[in-house]
C-alpha atoms as a PDB file:
ATOM      1  CA  MET A   1       5.292  12.240  -8.259  1.00  0.00           C
ATOM      2  CA  ASN A   2       2.276   9.957  -7.920  1.00  0.00           C
ATOM      3  CA  VAL A   3       3.763   6.909  -9.542  1.00  0.00           C
ATOM      4  CA  TRP A   4       5.180   3.498  -8.672  1.00  0.00           C
ATOM      5  CA  TYR A   5       7.686   1.779 -10.951  1.00  0.00           C
ATOM      6  CA  VAL A   6       6.550  -1.819 -10.558  1.00  0.00           C
ATOM      7  CA  LYS A   7       9.767  -3.748 -11.132  1.00  0.00           C
ATOM      8  CA  PRO A   8      12.353  -5.189  -8.742  1.00  0.00           C
ATOM      9  CA  GLY A   9      14.240  -2.204  -7.362  1.00  0.00           C
ATOM     10  CA  GLY A  10      11.609   0.162  -8.738  1.00  0.00           C
ATOM     11  CA  ALA A  11      10.715   3.016  -6.443  1.00  0.00           C
ATOM     12  CA  GLY A  12       7.663   5.154  -6.066  1.00  0.00           C
ATOM     13  CA  ARG A  13       6.042   7.993  -4.234  1.00  0.00           C
ATOM     14  CA  VAL A  14       2.435   9.028  -3.849  1.00  0.00           C
ATOM     15  CA  VAL A  15       0.776  12.015  -2.191  1.00  0.00           C
ATOM     16  CA  GLN A  16      -2.808  11.715  -0.975  1.00  0.00           C
ATOM     17  CA  ARG A  17      -5.055  14.549   0.143  1.00  0.00           C
ATOM     18  CA  ASP A  18      -7.933  14.341   2.593  1.00  0.00           C
ATOM     19  CA  ALA A  19     -11.191  16.318   2.416  1.00  0.00           C
ATOM     20  CA  GLU A  20      -9.597  19.198   4.354  1.00  0.00           C
ATOM     21  CA  GLY A  21      -6.676  19.443   1.925  1.00  0.00           C
ATOM     22  CA  ASN A  22      -4.063  17.875   4.218  1.00  0.00           C
ATOM     23  CA  GLU A  23      -1.361  16.007   2.311  1.00  0.00           C
ATOM     24  CA  PHE A  24       0.025  12.595   3.226  1.00  0.00           C
ATOM     25  CA  ALA A  25       3.052  11.344   1.288  1.00  0.00           C
ATOM     26  CA  PHE A  26       4.381   7.795   1.104  1.00  0.00           C
ATOM     27  CA  HIS A  27       7.329   6.204  -0.688  1.00  0.00           C
ATOM     28  CA  GLY A  28       8.940   2.790  -1.055  1.00  0.00           C
ATOM     29  CA  VAL A  29      10.809   0.272  -3.181  1.00  0.00           C
ATOM     30  CA  TYR A  30       9.658  -2.970  -4.823  1.00  0.00           C
ATOM     31  CA  HIS A  31      11.734  -5.954  -3.698  1.00  0.00           C
ATOM     32  CA  ALA A  32       9.982  -8.874  -5.420  1.00  0.00           C
ATOM     33  CA  ILE A  33       7.437  -9.268  -8.177  1.00  0.00           C
ATOM     34  CA  GLU A  34       5.994 -12.647  -9.073  1.00  0.00           C
ATOM     35  CA  THR A  35       3.468 -11.889 -11.820  1.00  0.00           C
ATOM     36  CA  PRO A  36       0.546 -12.475 -11.370  1.00  0.00           C
ATOM     37  CA  VAL A  37       0.852 -13.858  -7.845  1.00  0.00           C
ATOM     38  CA  ARG A  38       2.741 -11.565  -5.467  1.00  0.00           C
ATOM     39  CA  LEU A  39       4.283  -8.129  -4.902  1.00  0.00           C
ATOM     40  CA  VAL A  40       6.691  -7.286  -2.064  1.00  0.00           C
ATOM     41  CA  ARG A  41       7.670  -3.705  -1.288  1.00  0.00           C
ATOM     42  CA  THR A  42       8.747  -1.409   1.476  1.00  0.00           C
ATOM     43  CA  PHE A  43       6.387   1.393   2.402  1.00  0.00           C
ATOM     44  CA  GLU A  44       7.151   4.476   4.464  1.00  0.00           C
ATOM     45  CA  PHE A  45       4.848   7.291   5.563  1.00  0.00           C
ATOM     46  CA  GLU A  46       6.866  10.476   5.197  1.00  0.00           C
ATOM     47  CA  GLY A  47       5.116  11.945   8.246  1.00  0.00           C
ATOM     48  CA  THR A  48       7.034   9.438  10.398  1.00  0.00           C
ATOM     49  CA  PRO A  49      10.386   8.966   8.636  1.00  0.00           C
ATOM     50  CA  GLY A  50      12.460   5.918   9.523  1.00  0.00           C
ATOM     51  CA  HIS A  51       9.448   3.719  10.269  1.00  0.00           C
ATOM     52  CA  VAL A  52       9.436   1.418   7.252  1.00  0.00           C
ATOM     53  CA  LEU A  53       7.027  -1.462   6.874  1.00  0.00           C
ATOM     54  CA  LEU A  54       7.286  -4.468   4.577  1.00  0.00           C
ATOM     55  CA  GLU A  55       4.136  -5.025   2.529  1.00  0.00           C
ATOM     56  CA  THR A  56       3.301  -8.263   0.710  1.00  0.00           C
ATOM     57  CA  VAL A  57       0.327  -8.308  -1.646  1.00  0.00           C
ATOM     58  CA  THR A  58      -0.828 -11.729  -2.821  1.00  0.00           C
ATOM     59  CA  PHE A  59      -3.375 -12.351  -5.583  1.00  0.00           C
ATOM     60  CA  GLU A  60      -5.279 -15.633  -5.335  1.00  0.00           C
ATOM     61  CA  ASP A  61      -7.128 -16.881  -8.436  1.00  0.00           C
ATOM     62  CA  LEU A  62     -10.638 -17.963  -7.523  1.00  0.00           C
ATOM     63  CA  GLY A  63     -11.657 -18.972 -11.045  1.00  0.00           C
ATOM     64  CA  GLY A  64     -12.928 -15.748 -12.578  1.00  0.00           C
ATOM     65  CA  ARG A  65     -12.502 -13.749  -9.371  1.00  0.00           C
ATOM     66  CA  THR A  66      -9.411 -12.713  -7.427  1.00  0.00           C
ATOM     67  CA  ASN A  67      -8.827 -12.637  -3.690  1.00  0.00           C
ATOM     68  CA  LEU A  68      -6.345  -9.897  -2.732  1.00  0.00           C
ATOM     69  CA  ILE A  69      -4.424 -10.341   0.519  1.00  0.00           C
ATOM     70  CA  ASP A  70      -2.396  -7.345   1.728  1.00  0.00           C
ATOM     71  CA  GLN A  71      -0.097  -8.034   4.690  1.00  0.00           C
ATOM     72  CA  SER A  72       2.000  -5.350   6.380  1.00  0.00           C
ATOM     73  CA  VAL A  73       4.863  -6.207   8.733  1.00  0.00           C
ATOM     74  CA  PHE A  74       6.081  -3.400  10.976  1.00  0.00           C
ATOM     75  CA  GLN A  75       9.463  -3.111  12.667  1.00  0.00           C
ATOM     76  CA  THR A  76       7.783  -2.791  16.074  1.00  0.00           C
ATOM     77  CA  ALA A  77       4.325  -2.960  17.626  1.00  0.00           C
ATOM     78  CA  GLU A  78       4.741   0.729  18.436  1.00  0.00           C
ATOM     79  CA  ASP A  79       5.207   1.522  14.732  1.00  0.00           C
ATOM     80  CA  ARG A  80       2.045  -0.420  13.913  1.00  0.00           C
ATOM     81  CA  ASP A  81       0.052   1.328  16.619  1.00  0.00           C
ATOM     82  CA  ALA A  82       1.270   4.746  15.495  1.00  0.00           C
ATOM     83  CA  MET A  83       0.183   4.069  11.900  1.00  0.00           C
ATOM     84  CA  LEU A  84      -3.229   2.946  13.123  1.00  0.00           C
ATOM     85  CA  ARG A  85      -3.585   6.151  15.148  1.00  0.00           C
ATOM     86  CA  LEU A  86      -2.710   8.146  12.021  1.00  0.00           C
ATOM     87  CA  GLY A  87      -5.606   6.535  10.106  1.00  0.00           C
ATOM     88  CA  MET A  88      -3.876   3.767   8.167  1.00  0.00           C
ATOM     89  CA  GLU A  89      -6.843   1.422   8.516  1.00  0.00           C
ATOM     90  CA  GLU A  90      -9.280   3.985   7.140  1.00  0.00           C
ATOM     91  CA  GLY A  91      -6.875   4.873   4.320  1.00  0.00           C
ATOM     92  CA  ALA A  92      -6.468   1.235   3.347  1.00  0.00           C
ATOM     93  CA  ALA A  93     -10.242   0.702   3.370  1.00  0.00           C
ATOM     94  CA  GLU A  94     -10.698   3.773   1.161  1.00  0.00           C
ATOM     95  CA  SER A  95      -8.077   2.458  -1.276  1.00  0.00           C
ATOM     96  CA  MET A  96      -9.839  -0.915  -1.491  1.00  0.00           C
ATOM     97  CA  ASP A  97     -13.190   0.844  -2.070  1.00  0.00           C
ATOM     98  CA  ARG A  98     -11.644   2.833  -4.926  1.00  0.00           C
ATOM     99  CA  LEU A  99     -10.170  -0.339  -6.435  1.00  0.00           C
ATOM    100  CA  ALA A 100     -13.566  -2.075  -6.221  1.00  0.00           C
ATOM    101  CA  ALA A 101     -15.216   0.900  -7.957  1.00  0.00           C
ATOM    102  CA  LEU A 102     -12.651   0.793 -10.774  1.00  0.00           C
ATOM    103  CA  LEU A 103     -13.111  -2.947 -11.213  1.00  0.00           C
ATOM    104  CA  ALA A 104     -16.903  -2.569 -11.256  1.00  0.00           C
ATOM    105  CA  LYS A 105     -16.588  -0.233 -14.239  1.00  0.00           C
ATOM    106  CA  GLY A 106     -15.021  -3.166 -16.052  1.00  0.00           C
END
């Protein structure tokens, strides 16, 4: 299932594949939705079960443009460091690049 049900209590799961065909699955639950300002959800990489982060995405209106702020709060610094070692930063950058490409298509 590569889908997120964007509603309070809505769950989702997504599987991503890298260039070598390795799969990386993630799941979570939406806890708050303030349209069009903010989303709050949990997010868990299935490769490290039990290490759940809290993600808050805020959309700031810049008058015809939008600033997206994505903040992740980890249970421990060790959890954060482990996700960084697993490539979370690169994955997030790739996701933002894909979003920018979609938005450029208009």
